[in-house]
Amino acid sequence: HATDLTDTRLAELSETARAPEVVAVGECGLDYFRNFSPHAAQQQAFHRQLELAERLGKPVFLHQRDAHGDFIAILREHWPRLAGGVAHCFTAGGTELDAYLELGLAIGITGWICDERRGAHLMELVPRIPADRLLLETDGPYLLPRDLSPKPASRRNEPRYLPHIASVVARARGESPLSLARSSTAATRRLFSLPNAPGDIGV
């Protein structure tokens, strides 16, 4: 909870985030859906995590639910000093997408798009995302693609289902899954400063 982000815990977080294996600060942001923490406490914690990302020169991995106005206002304040970021598990609408793209965020798309009920609007929105800012995600172990068949007995979402998500996103964008896989892999490597791997699909 945001109220638990004491100076001591922030120092611990900072120490962990300095490790070279840590490529981003987050998941951080605002969530007004269930209000597990007061809005003011969430906003203060968000500011402090963004300041940490600024000091470390690392991008941010962002979460937003039912808090767009405050979320984008805080991000705009910090954005000039941040090393980029991604709107993780994007499920919002066109207004939010336009604001994120205008700011410069990358957009993470998960198996939510595979849900013919809840994700139908994403089929219309993903063509608007520039290829160099579209990232593919699973959000595993959650958000198992609804149209996956057969579904695993565990109902656990895993990285191995990324090709399925890629095929749905590619269909919405009118491109091949291979083309999308290459561009999203390259975008991911750029954002998180990951090295290219020999034979990697994004190379």
N, C-alpha and C. Protein backbone atom coordinates (compact mmCIF):
# COMPACT_ATOMS: atom_id res chain seq x y z
N HIS A 1 0.83 -1.19 0.00
CA HIS A 1 0.00 0.00 0.00
C HIS A 1 0.87 1.25 0.00
N ALA A 2 0.34 2.31 -0.59
CA ALA A 2 1.12 3.55 -0.71
C ALA A 2 1.53 4.11 0.64
N THR A 3 0.70 3.90 1.65
CA THR A 3 1.03 4.42 2.98
C THR A 3 2.22 3.69 3.60
N ASP A 4 2.60 2.56 3.04
CA ASP A 4 3.74 1.79 3.55
C ASP A 4 5.07 2.26 2.98
N LEU A 5 5.06 3.21 2.05
CA LEU A 5 6.31 3.66 1.43
C LEU A 5 6.99 4.68 2.35
N THR A 6 7.63 4.16 3.39
CA THR A 6 8.38 4.99 4.32
C THR A 6 9.74 5.33 3.72
N ASP A 7 10.46 6.22 4.37
CA ASP A 7 11.81 6.56 3.92
C ASP A 7 12.70 5.32 3.89
N THR A 8 12.54 4.46 4.88
CA THR A 8 13.35 3.23 4.94
C THR A 8 13.04 2.32 3.76
N ARG A 9 11.77 2.15 3.46
CA ARG A 9 11.40 1.27 2.36
C ARG A 9 11.78 1.88 1.01
N LEU A 10 11.71 3.19 0.90
CA LEU A 10 12.15 3.83 -0.33
C LEU A 10 13.64 3.64 -0.53
N ALA A 11 14.41 3.71 0.55
CA ALA A 11 15.86 3.47 0.47
C ALA A 11 16.14 2.03 0.04
N GLU A 12 15.36 1.08 0.56
CA GLU A 12 15.51 -0.32 0.16
C GLU A 12 15.16 -0.50 -1.31
N LEU A 13 14.09 0.15 -1.74
CA LEU A 13 13.69 0.09 -3.14
C LEU A 13 14.77 0.68 -4.03
N SER A 14 15.35 1.79 -3.61
CA SER A 14 16.41 2.44 -4.38
C SER A 14 17.61 1.52 -4.53
N GLU A 15 17.98 0.85 -3.44
CA GLU A 15 19.13 -0.05 -3.49
C GLU A 15 18.87 -1.21 -4.45
N THR A 16 17.67 -1.76 -4.41
CA THR A 16 17.32 -2.85 -5.32
C THR A 16 17.30 -2.37 -6.77
N ALA A 17 16.74 -1.19 -6.99
CA ALA A 17 16.59 -0.68 -8.36
C ALA A 17 17.91 -0.33 -9.01
N ARG A 18 18.96 -0.16 -8.21
CA ARG A 18 20.27 0.16 -8.76
C ARG A 18 20.92 -1.03 -9.45
N ALA A 19 20.47 -2.23 -9.16
CA ALA A 19 21.07 -3.42 -9.74
C ALA A 19 20.94 -3.40 -11.26
N PRO A 20 21.98 -3.81 -11.98
CA PRO A 20 21.92 -3.78 -13.45
C PRO A 20 20.83 -4.68 -14.02
N GLU A 21 20.42 -5.70 -13.26
CA GLU A 21 19.35 -6.58 -13.74
C GLU A 21 18.00 -5.90 -13.73
N VAL A 22 17.87 -4.83 -12.97
CA VAL A 22 16.61 -4.09 -12.89
C VAL A 22 16.59 -3.05 -14.00
N VAL A 23 15.70 -3.22 -14.96
CA VAL A 23 15.71 -2.36 -16.15
C VAL A 23 14.70 -1.23 -16.09
N ALA A 24 13.86 -1.20 -15.05
CA ALA A 24 12.85 -0.14 -14.93
C ALA A 24 12.44 0.01 -13.47
N VAL A 25 11.83 1.13 -13.16
CA VAL A 25 11.25 1.36 -11.84
C VAL A 25 9.75 1.14 -11.95
N GLY A 26 9.23 0.28 -11.10
CA GLY A 26 7.80 0.01 -11.14
C GLY A 26 7.52 -1.44 -10.81
N GLU A 27 6.36 -1.79 -10.86
CA GLU A 27 5.17 -1.16 -11.39
C GLU A 27 4.73 -0.06 -10.43
N CYS A 28 4.49 1.13 -10.95
CA CYS A 28 4.08 2.25 -10.11
C CYS A 28 3.02 3.07 -10.84
N GLY A 29 2.26 3.82 -10.05
CA GLY A 29 1.21 4.63 -10.66
C GLY A 29 0.09 4.91 -9.68
N LEU A 30 -1.13 5.00 -10.21
CA LEU A 30 -2.30 5.31 -9.40
C LEU A 30 -3.42 4.33 -9.70
N ASP A 31 -4.11 3.89 -8.66
CA ASP A 31 -5.25 2.98 -8.83
C ASP A 31 -6.37 3.44 -7.91
N TYR A 32 -7.39 4.07 -8.50
CA TYR A 32 -8.53 4.57 -7.74
C TYR A 32 -9.71 3.61 -7.80
N PHE A 33 -9.50 2.40 -8.33
CA PHE A 33 -10.62 1.47 -8.52
C PHE A 33 -11.13 0.92 -7.19
N ARG A 34 -10.22 0.36 -6.39
CA ARG A 34 -10.63 -0.19 -5.09
C ARG A 34 -10.19 0.68 -3.93
N ASN A 35 -9.33 1.64 -4.20
CA ASN A 35 -8.91 2.60 -3.17
C ASN A 35 -8.33 1.91 -1.93
N PHE A 36 -7.37 1.03 -2.15
CA PHE A 36 -6.69 0.38 -1.03
C PHE A 36 -5.87 1.39 -0.23
N SER A 37 -5.48 2.49 -0.88
CA SER A 37 -4.76 3.57 -0.21
C SER A 37 -5.42 4.89 -0.58
N PRO A 38 -5.40 5.88 0.32
CA PRO A 38 -5.97 7.18 0.00
C PRO A 38 -5.31 7.79 -1.23
N HIS A 39 -6.08 8.56 -1.99
CA HIS A 39 -5.55 9.16 -3.21
C HIS A 39 -4.30 9.99 -2.94
N ALA A 40 -4.32 10.78 -1.89
CA ALA A 40 -3.18 11.64 -1.59
C ALA A 40 -1.93 10.82 -1.31
N ALA A 41 -2.08 9.70 -0.61
CA ALA A 41 -0.94 8.83 -0.33
C ALA A 41 -0.42 8.19 -1.60
N GLN A 42 -1.33 7.78 -2.49
CA GLN A 42 -0.91 7.21 -3.77
C GLN A 42 -0.14 8.23 -4.59
N GLN A 43 -0.63 9.45 -4.62
CA GLN A 43 0.03 10.48 -5.41
C GLN A 43 1.43 10.77 -4.87
N GLN A 44 1.56 10.84 -3.55
CA GLN A 44 2.87 11.10 -2.96
C GLN A 44 3.84 9.96 -3.27
N ALA A 45 3.36 8.72 -3.15
CA ALA A 45 4.21 7.57 -3.46
C ALA A 45 4.62 7.57 -4.93
N PHE A 46 3.69 7.92 -5.80
CA PHE A 46 3.98 7.98 -7.23
C PHE A 46 5.05 9.02 -7.52
N HIS A 47 4.92 10.20 -6.94
CA HIS A 47 5.94 11.24 -7.10
C HIS A 47 7.31 10.71 -6.66
N ARG A 48 7.37 10.04 -5.53
CA ARG A 48 8.65 9.58 -4.99
C ARG A 48 9.26 8.49 -5.86
N GLN A 49 8.43 7.62 -6.43
CA GLN A 49 8.95 6.58 -7.32
C GLN A 49 9.44 7.17 -8.64
N LEU A 50 8.74 8.17 -9.14
CA LEU A 50 9.20 8.84 -10.35
C LEU A 50 10.51 9.58 -10.10
N GLU A 51 10.64 10.19 -8.94
CA GLU A 51 11.89 10.86 -8.59
C GLU A 51 13.04 9.85 -8.51
N LEU A 52 12.75 8.66 -8.01
CA LEU A 52 13.75 7.60 -7.97
C LEU A 52 14.18 7.22 -9.38
N ALA A 53 13.22 7.06 -10.27
CA ALA A 53 13.54 6.73 -11.67
C ALA A 53 14.39 7.82 -12.30
N GLU A 54 14.10 9.07 -11.98
CA GLU A 54 14.89 10.18 -12.49
C GLU A 54 16.34 10.07 -12.03
N ARG A 55 16.53 9.80 -10.75
CA ARG A 55 17.89 9.71 -10.20
C ARG A 55 18.67 8.56 -10.81
N LEU A 56 17.98 7.45 -11.07
CA LEU A 56 18.66 6.27 -11.60
C LEU A 56 18.77 6.26 -13.11
N GLY A 57 18.04 7.14 -13.78
CA GLY A 57 18.07 7.17 -15.24
C GLY A 57 17.44 5.95 -15.87
N LYS A 58 16.43 5.39 -15.19
CA LYS A 58 15.76 4.20 -15.71
C LYS A 58 14.31 4.53 -16.07
N PRO A 59 13.76 3.84 -17.07
CA PRO A 59 12.36 4.08 -17.45
C PRO A 59 11.41 3.59 -16.36
N VAL A 60 10.14 3.95 -16.51
CA VAL A 60 9.13 3.56 -15.53
C VAL A 60 8.11 2.62 -16.15
N PHE A 61 7.68 1.66 -15.33
CA PHE A 61 6.68 0.66 -15.71
C PHE A 61 5.40 1.05 -14.98
N LEU A 62 4.41 1.51 -15.73
CA LEU A 62 3.32 2.30 -15.16
C LEU A 62 1.98 1.58 -15.09
N HIS A 63 1.25 1.88 -14.03
CA HIS A 63 -0.09 1.33 -13.80
C HIS A 63 -1.06 2.48 -13.56
N GLN A 64 -2.21 2.42 -14.20
CA GLN A 64 -3.25 3.44 -14.00
C GLN A 64 -4.61 2.78 -14.12
N ARG A 65 -5.46 3.02 -13.13
CA ARG A 65 -6.83 2.53 -13.21
C ARG A 65 -7.76 3.55 -12.57
N ASP A 66 -8.67 4.05 -13.37
CA ASP A 66 -9.67 5.02 -12.91
C ASP A 66 -9.04 6.26 -12.29
N ALA A 67 -7.87 6.65 -12.79
CA ALA A 67 -7.14 7.78 -12.20
C ALA A 67 -6.45 8.61 -13.27
N HIS A 68 -7.00 8.63 -14.47
CA HIS A 68 -6.28 9.20 -15.60
C HIS A 68 -5.87 10.66 -15.38
N GLY A 69 -6.77 11.50 -14.90
CA GLY A 69 -6.46 12.92 -14.77
C GLY A 69 -5.26 13.18 -13.87
N ASP A 70 -5.27 12.61 -12.67
CA ASP A 70 -4.15 12.80 -11.75
C ASP A 70 -2.89 12.12 -12.28
N PHE A 71 -3.07 10.94 -12.86
CA PHE A 71 -1.93 10.17 -13.38
C PHE A 71 -1.17 10.94 -14.45
N ILE A 72 -1.88 11.46 -15.44
CA ILE A 72 -1.21 12.15 -16.54
C ILE A 72 -0.63 13.49 -16.06
N ALA A 73 -1.29 14.15 -15.12
CA ALA A 73 -0.78 15.42 -14.60
C ALA A 73 0.55 15.21 -13.88
N ILE A 74 0.64 14.18 -13.07
CA ILE A 74 1.89 13.89 -12.35
C ILE A 74 2.98 13.47 -13.32
N LEU A 75 2.62 12.64 -14.29
CA LEU A 75 3.61 12.21 -15.28
C LEU A 75 4.16 13.38 -16.08
N ARG A 76 3.30 14.28 -16.48
CA ARG A 76 3.74 15.45 -17.25
C ARG A 76 4.74 16.28 -16.46
N GLU A 77 4.54 16.37 -15.17
CA GLU A 77 5.45 17.13 -14.31
C GLU A 77 6.85 16.52 -14.31
N HIS A 78 6.92 15.20 -14.35
CA HIS A 78 8.21 14.51 -14.25
C HIS A 78 8.81 14.13 -15.60
N TRP A 79 8.00 14.10 -16.64
CA TRP A 79 8.42 13.51 -17.91
C TRP A 79 9.73 14.06 -18.47
N PRO A 80 9.98 15.36 -18.44
CA PRO A 80 11.23 15.86 -19.03
C PRO A 80 12.49 15.26 -18.41
N ARG A 81 12.40 14.71 -17.22
CA ARG A 81 13.57 14.17 -16.53
C ARG A 81 13.57 12.64 -16.49
N LEU A 82 12.59 12.01 -17.13
CA LEU A 82 12.49 10.56 -17.12
C LEU A 82 13.09 9.94 -18.38
N ALA A 83 13.56 8.71 -18.23
CA ALA A 83 14.15 7.98 -19.35
C ALA A 83 13.11 7.12 -20.05
N GLY A 84 11.90 7.67 -20.22
CA GLY A 84 10.85 6.95 -20.92
C GLY A 84 10.02 6.10 -19.97
N GLY A 85 9.04 5.42 -20.56
CA GLY A 85 8.16 4.58 -19.75
C GLY A 85 7.13 3.89 -20.61
N VAL A 86 6.43 2.93 -20.00
CA VAL A 86 5.40 2.19 -20.71
C VAL A 86 4.12 2.18 -19.87
N ALA A 87 2.99 2.42 -20.52
CA ALA A 87 1.68 2.26 -19.90
C ALA A 87 1.36 0.77 -19.93
N HIS A 88 1.65 0.11 -18.82
CA HIS A 88 1.52 -1.34 -18.71
C HIS A 88 0.05 -1.77 -18.79
N CYS A 89 -0.19 -2.87 -19.51
CA CYS A 89 -1.52 -3.48 -19.59
C CYS A 89 -2.58 -2.44 -19.94
N PHE A 90 -2.39 -1.77 -21.06
CA PHE A 90 -3.32 -0.72 -21.47
C PHE A 90 -4.67 -1.32 -21.82
N THR A 91 -5.73 -0.84 -21.15
CA THR A 91 -7.09 -1.30 -21.43
C THR A 91 -8.06 -0.13 -21.55
N ALA A 92 -7.54 1.09 -21.54
CA ALA A 92 -8.39 2.28 -21.51
C ALA A 92 -8.88 2.63 -22.92
N GLY A 93 -9.36 3.86 -23.07
CA GLY A 93 -9.95 4.28 -24.33
C GLY A 93 -9.07 5.21 -25.13
N GLY A 94 -9.66 5.79 -26.17
CA GLY A 94 -8.92 6.63 -27.09
C GLY A 94 -8.37 7.90 -26.47
N THR A 95 -9.11 8.49 -25.55
CA THR A 95 -8.64 9.72 -24.91
C THR A 95 -7.35 9.48 -24.15
N GLU A 96 -7.33 8.39 -23.37
CA GLU A 96 -6.13 8.05 -22.62
C GLU A 96 -4.98 7.69 -23.56
N LEU A 97 -5.29 6.92 -24.60
CA LEU A 97 -4.24 6.53 -25.54
C LEU A 97 -3.60 7.75 -26.17
N ASP A 98 -4.41 8.69 -26.63
CA ASP A 98 -3.87 9.89 -27.27
C ASP A 98 -2.99 10.68 -26.30
N ALA A 99 -3.41 10.77 -25.04
CA ALA A 99 -2.62 11.51 -24.04
C ALA A 99 -1.29 10.82 -23.79
N TYR A 100 -1.29 9.50 -23.72
CA TYR A 100 -0.05 8.77 -23.47
C TYR A 100 0.90 8.87 -24.65
N LEU A 101 0.35 8.76 -25.85
CA LEU A 101 1.20 8.86 -27.04
C LEU A 101 1.76 10.26 -27.19
N GLU A 102 0.95 11.27 -26.91
CA GLU A 102 1.42 12.65 -27.00
C GLU A 102 2.56 12.90 -26.01
N LEU A 103 2.46 12.31 -24.84
CA LEU A 103 3.51 12.46 -23.84
C LEU A 103 4.79 11.77 -24.27
N GLY A 104 4.66 10.62 -24.93
CA GLY A 104 5.83 9.88 -25.37
C GLY A 104 5.93 8.48 -24.80
N LEU A 105 4.87 8.03 -24.13
CA LEU A 105 4.89 6.69 -23.54
C LEU A 105 4.83 5.59 -24.59
N ALA A 106 5.43 4.46 -24.27
CA ALA A 106 5.17 3.22 -24.99
C ALA A 106 3.88 2.64 -24.42
N ILE A 107 3.23 1.77 -25.19
CA ILE A 107 1.94 1.20 -24.79
C ILE A 107 2.06 -0.32 -24.74
N GLY A 108 1.74 -0.90 -23.58
CA GLY A 108 1.78 -2.35 -23.42
C GLY A 108 0.41 -2.97 -23.63
N ILE A 109 0.34 -3.92 -24.56
CA ILE A 109 -0.92 -4.60 -24.87
C ILE A 109 -0.83 -6.06 -24.42
N THR A 110 -1.83 -6.50 -23.67
CA THR A 110 -1.86 -7.86 -23.13
C THR A 110 -2.96 -8.68 -23.78
N GLY A 111 -3.19 -9.87 -23.22
CA GLY A 111 -4.26 -10.73 -23.70
C GLY A 111 -5.65 -10.19 -23.48
N TRP A 112 -5.75 -9.04 -22.83
CA TRP A 112 -7.07 -8.38 -22.69
C TRP A 112 -7.70 -8.18 -24.07
N ILE A 113 -6.88 -7.95 -25.08
CA ILE A 113 -7.39 -7.71 -26.43
C ILE A 113 -8.04 -8.97 -27.00
N CYS A 114 -7.75 -10.12 -26.41
CA CYS A 114 -8.30 -11.38 -26.90
C CYS A 114 -9.70 -11.66 -26.35
N ASP A 115 -10.19 -10.79 -25.48
CA ASP A 115 -11.53 -10.94 -24.92
C ASP A 115 -12.52 -10.21 -25.82
N GLU A 116 -13.39 -10.96 -26.47
CA GLU A 116 -14.30 -10.36 -27.46
C GLU A 116 -15.29 -9.39 -26.82
N ARG A 117 -15.48 -9.46 -25.52
CA ARG A 117 -16.39 -8.54 -24.84
C ARG A 117 -15.64 -7.31 -24.31
N ARG A 118 -14.69 -7.54 -23.43
CA ARG A 118 -14.01 -6.42 -22.77
C ARG A 118 -12.93 -5.78 -23.63
N GLY A 119 -12.38 -6.53 -24.58
CA GLY A 119 -11.24 -6.02 -25.33
C GLY A 119 -11.54 -5.57 -26.74
N ALA A 120 -12.82 -5.56 -27.13
CA ALA A 120 -13.16 -5.23 -28.51
C ALA A 120 -12.67 -3.84 -28.90
N HIS A 121 -12.73 -2.88 -27.98
CA HIS A 121 -12.30 -1.51 -28.31
C HIS A 121 -10.82 -1.44 -28.62
N LEU A 122 -10.03 -2.36 -28.04
CA LEU A 122 -8.59 -2.35 -28.30
C LEU A 122 -8.29 -2.75 -29.74
N MET A 123 -9.14 -3.57 -30.34
CA MET A 123 -8.94 -3.95 -31.74
C MET A 123 -8.99 -2.71 -32.64
N GLU A 124 -9.76 -1.72 -32.23
CA GLU A 124 -9.85 -0.47 -33.01
C GLU A 124 -8.74 0.50 -32.67
N LEU A 125 -8.19 0.40 -31.46
CA LEU A 125 -7.18 1.37 -31.01
C LEU A 125 -5.75 0.99 -31.37
N VAL A 126 -5.43 -0.30 -31.37
CA VAL A 126 -4.02 -0.68 -31.56
C VAL A 126 -3.43 -0.23 -32.91
N PRO A 127 -4.23 -0.08 -33.98
CA PRO A 127 -3.61 0.45 -35.20
C PRO A 127 -3.08 1.87 -35.05
N ARG A 128 -3.52 2.60 -34.03
CA ARG A 128 -3.08 3.98 -33.83
C ARG A 128 -1.75 4.07 -33.07
N ILE A 129 -1.27 2.96 -32.56
CA ILE A 129 -0.02 2.97 -31.80
C ILE A 129 1.16 2.81 -32.76
N PRO A 130 2.11 3.75 -32.76
CA PRO A 130 3.29 3.61 -33.62
C PRO A 130 4.02 2.30 -33.33
N ALA A 131 4.54 1.67 -34.36
CA ALA A 131 5.19 0.37 -34.20
C ALA A 131 6.35 0.43 -33.22
N ASP A 132 7.03 1.57 -33.17
CA ASP A 132 8.19 1.66 -32.28
C ASP A 132 7.82 1.97 -30.83
N ARG A 133 6.50 1.99 -30.55
CA ARG A 133 6.06 2.21 -29.17
C ARG A 133 5.01 1.20 -28.71
N LEU A 134 4.89 0.12 -29.46
CA LEU A 134 3.95 -0.94 -29.09
C LEU A 134 4.71 -2.12 -28.49
N LEU A 135 4.41 -2.42 -27.24
CA LEU A 135 5.03 -3.55 -26.55
C LEU A 135 3.98 -4.62 -26.29
N LEU A 136 4.38 -5.88 -26.39
CA LEU A 136 3.48 -7.00 -26.11
C LEU A 136 3.76 -7.53 -24.71
N GLU A 137 2.69 -7.85 -23.97
CA GLU A 137 2.81 -8.33 -22.60
C GLU A 137 1.85 -9.49 -22.37
N THR A 138 2.11 -10.26 -21.33
CA THR A 138 1.13 -11.25 -20.88
C THR A 138 0.41 -10.80 -19.62
N ASP A 139 1.09 -10.08 -18.73
CA ASP A 139 0.63 -9.79 -17.37
C ASP A 139 0.43 -11.09 -16.60
N GLY A 140 1.21 -12.13 -16.99
CA GLY A 140 1.14 -13.40 -16.29
C GLY A 140 1.49 -13.25 -14.82
N PRO A 141 0.91 -14.07 -13.98
CA PRO A 141 0.06 -15.23 -14.32
C PRO A 141 -1.41 -14.90 -14.56
N TYR A 142 -1.71 -13.59 -14.67
CA TYR A 142 -3.10 -13.16 -14.85
C TYR A 142 -3.43 -12.96 -16.33
N LEU A 143 -4.69 -12.68 -16.60
CA LEU A 143 -5.18 -12.30 -17.93
C LEU A 143 -4.86 -13.34 -19.00
N LEU A 144 -5.10 -14.59 -18.70
CA LEU A 144 -5.00 -15.63 -19.72
C LEU A 144 -5.91 -15.26 -20.89
N PRO A 145 -5.40 -15.28 -22.14
CA PRO A 145 -6.25 -14.90 -23.28
C PRO A 145 -7.55 -15.71 -23.29
N ARG A 146 -8.66 -15.00 -23.35
CA ARG A 146 -9.97 -15.63 -23.24
C ARG A 146 -10.25 -16.58 -24.40
N ASP A 147 -9.68 -16.28 -25.58
CA ASP A 147 -9.97 -17.09 -26.76
C ASP A 147 -8.96 -18.22 -26.96
N LEU A 148 -8.08 -18.43 -25.99
CA LEU A 148 -7.09 -19.49 -26.11
C LEU A 148 -7.77 -20.86 -26.04
N SER A 149 -7.40 -21.75 -26.96
CA SER A 149 -7.99 -23.08 -26.97
C SER A 149 -6.96 -24.11 -27.42
N PRO A 150 -6.77 -25.18 -26.66
CA PRO A 150 -7.40 -25.43 -25.35
C PRO A 150 -6.72 -24.60 -24.26
N LYS A 151 -7.46 -24.29 -23.22
CA LYS A 151 -6.91 -23.54 -22.11
C LYS A 151 -6.16 -24.48 -21.16
N PRO A 152 -5.07 -24.01 -20.57
CA PRO A 152 -4.35 -24.86 -19.62
C PRO A 152 -5.19 -25.13 -18.39
N ALA A 153 -5.03 -26.30 -17.81
CA ALA A 153 -5.82 -26.66 -16.63
C ALA A 153 -5.57 -25.70 -15.48
N SER A 154 -4.36 -25.16 -15.42
CA SER A 154 -4.01 -24.25 -14.33
C SER A 154 -4.62 -22.87 -14.48
N ARG A 155 -5.08 -22.55 -15.70
CA ARG A 155 -5.59 -21.20 -16.02
C ARG A 155 -4.52 -20.13 -15.78
N ARG A 156 -3.28 -20.53 -15.78
CA ARG A 156 -2.17 -19.62 -15.52
C ARG A 156 -1.66 -19.05 -16.84
N ASN A 157 -1.53 -17.75 -16.91
CA ASN A 157 -0.97 -17.09 -18.09
C ASN A 157 0.55 -17.13 -18.01
N GLU A 158 1.20 -17.40 -19.13
CA GLU A 158 2.66 -17.55 -19.16
C GLU A 158 3.22 -16.89 -20.42
N PRO A 159 4.54 -16.61 -20.42
CA PRO A 159 5.17 -15.98 -21.60
C PRO A 159 4.96 -16.76 -22.89
N ARG A 160 4.76 -18.07 -22.80
CA ARG A 160 4.59 -18.87 -24.02
C ARG A 160 3.33 -18.50 -24.80
N TYR A 161 2.44 -17.73 -24.19
CA TYR A 161 1.23 -17.32 -24.90
C TYR A 161 1.39 -15.98 -25.61
N LEU A 162 2.58 -15.40 -25.54
CA LEU A 162 2.82 -14.14 -26.27
C LEU A 162 2.56 -14.28 -27.77
N PRO A 163 2.98 -15.38 -28.43
CA PRO A 163 2.67 -15.49 -29.87
C PRO A 163 1.18 -15.43 -30.17
N HIS A 164 0.37 -15.98 -29.27
CA HIS A 164 -1.09 -15.91 -29.48
C HIS A 164 -1.56 -14.47 -29.40
N ILE A 165 -1.09 -13.74 -28.39
CA ILE A 165 -1.45 -12.33 -28.26
C ILE A 165 -0.97 -11.56 -29.47
N ALA A 166 0.25 -11.85 -29.91
CA ALA A 166 0.81 -11.17 -31.08
C ALA A 166 -0.04 -11.39 -32.32
N SER A 167 -0.57 -12.59 -32.48
CA SER A 167 -1.38 -12.87 -33.68
C SER A 167 -2.66 -12.05 -33.68
N VAL A 168 -3.26 -11.86 -32.51
CA VAL A 168 -4.49 -11.07 -32.42
C VAL A 168 -4.20 -9.59 -32.67
N VAL A 169 -3.13 -9.08 -32.06
CA VAL A 169 -2.76 -7.68 -32.26
C VAL A 169 -2.39 -7.44 -33.72
N ALA A 170 -1.65 -8.36 -34.31
CA ALA A 170 -1.24 -8.21 -35.71
C ALA A 170 -2.46 -8.18 -36.63
N ARG A 171 -3.43 -9.02 -36.35
CA ARG A 171 -4.65 -9.03 -37.17
C ARG A 171 -5.36 -7.68 -37.09
N ALA A 172 -5.41 -7.11 -35.90
CA ALA A 172 -6.06 -5.81 -35.74
C ALA A 172 -5.32 -4.71 -36.48
N ARG A 173 -4.01 -4.85 -36.58
CA ARG A 173 -3.18 -3.83 -37.23
C ARG A 173 -3.00 -4.07 -38.72
N GLY A 174 -3.44 -5.22 -39.20
CA GLY A 174 -3.29 -5.53 -40.62
C GLY A 174 -1.86 -5.82 -41.02
N GLU A 175 -1.11 -6.47 -40.14
CA GLU A 175 0.26 -6.85 -40.46
C GLU A 175 0.49 -8.29 -40.05
N SER A 176 1.61 -8.84 -40.43
CA SER A 176 1.89 -10.23 -40.09
C SER A 176 2.36 -10.33 -38.64
N PRO A 177 2.10 -11.47 -38.00
CA PRO A 177 2.60 -11.66 -36.64
C PRO A 177 4.11 -11.53 -36.55
N LEU A 178 4.83 -11.98 -37.58
CA LEU A 178 6.29 -11.88 -37.56
C LEU A 178 6.74 -10.44 -37.59
N SER A 179 6.11 -9.63 -38.43
CA SER A 179 6.45 -8.21 -38.50
C SER A 179 6.21 -7.54 -37.16
N LEU A 180 5.07 -7.84 -36.54
CA LEU A 180 4.75 -7.25 -35.24
C LEU A 180 5.73 -7.73 -34.18
N ALA A 181 6.06 -9.01 -34.20
CA ALA A 181 6.99 -9.55 -33.21
C ALA A 181 8.35 -8.86 -33.31
N ARG A 182 8.79 -8.63 -34.52
CA ARG A 182 10.08 -7.96 -34.71
C ARG A 182 10.05 -6.53 -34.19
N SER A 183 9.01 -5.79 -34.55
CA SER A 183 8.97 -4.38 -34.14
C SER A 183 8.75 -4.24 -32.64
N SER A 184 7.92 -5.09 -32.04
CA SER A 184 7.68 -4.98 -30.60
C SER A 184 8.90 -5.42 -29.80
N THR A 185 9.61 -6.42 -30.30
CA THR A 185 10.85 -6.84 -29.63
C THR A 185 11.88 -5.73 -29.68
N ALA A 186 12.02 -5.10 -30.84
CA ALA A 186 12.96 -4.00 -30.97
C ALA A 186 12.58 -2.83 -30.07
N ALA A 187 11.28 -2.53 -29.98
CA ALA A 187 10.81 -1.44 -29.13
C ALA A 187 11.09 -1.74 -27.66
N THR A 188 10.90 -2.99 -27.27
CA THR A 188 11.17 -3.39 -25.89
C THR A 188 12.65 -3.25 -25.56
N ARG A 189 13.49 -3.69 -26.48
CA ARG A 189 14.94 -3.60 -26.25
C ARG A 189 15.38 -2.14 -26.15
N ARG A 190 14.82 -1.28 -26.97
CA ARG A 190 15.19 0.14 -26.91
C ARG A 190 14.78 0.76 -25.58
N LEU A 191 13.54 0.55 -25.18
CA LEU A 191 13.03 1.19 -23.97
C LEU A 191 13.82 0.76 -22.74
N PHE A 192 14.11 -0.53 -22.64
CA PHE A 192 14.75 -1.05 -21.44
C PHE A 192 16.26 -1.23 -21.59
N SER A 193 16.81 -0.72 -22.70
CA SER A 193 18.26 -0.80 -22.95
C SER A 193 18.77 -2.24 -22.84
N LEU A 194 18.04 -3.15 -23.45
CA LEU A 194 18.42 -4.56 -23.45
C LEU A 194 19.30 -4.86 -24.65
N PRO A 195 20.32 -5.69 -24.49
CA PRO A 195 21.20 -6.01 -25.62
C PRO A 195 20.50 -6.91 -26.63
N ASN A 196 20.91 -6.79 -27.87
CA ASN A 196 20.42 -7.71 -28.89
C ASN A 196 21.01 -9.09 -28.65
N ALA A 197 20.24 -10.11 -28.97
CA ALA A 197 20.71 -11.49 -28.84
C ALA A 197 20.85 -12.09 -30.22
N PRO A 198 21.94 -12.82 -30.50
CA PRO A 198 22.10 -13.45 -31.81
C PRO A 198 20.90 -14.33 -32.15
N GLY A 199 20.36 -14.12 -33.33
CA GLY A 199 19.22 -14.91 -33.75
C GLY A 199 17.90 -14.45 -33.19
N ASP A 200 17.92 -13.36 -32.41
CA ASP A 200 16.68 -12.85 -31.82
C ASP A 200 15.75 -12.35 -32.92
N ILE A 201 14.46 -12.51 -32.70
CA ILE A 201 13.47 -12.13 -33.71
C ILE A 201 13.47 -10.64 -33.98
N GLY A 202 13.92 -9.85 -33.01
CA GLY A 202 13.92 -8.40 -33.18
C GLY A 202 15.17 -7.86 -33.81
N VAL A 203 16.13 -8.74 -34.12
CA VAL A 203 17.41 -8.29 -34.69
C VAL A 203 17.30 -8.19 -36.19
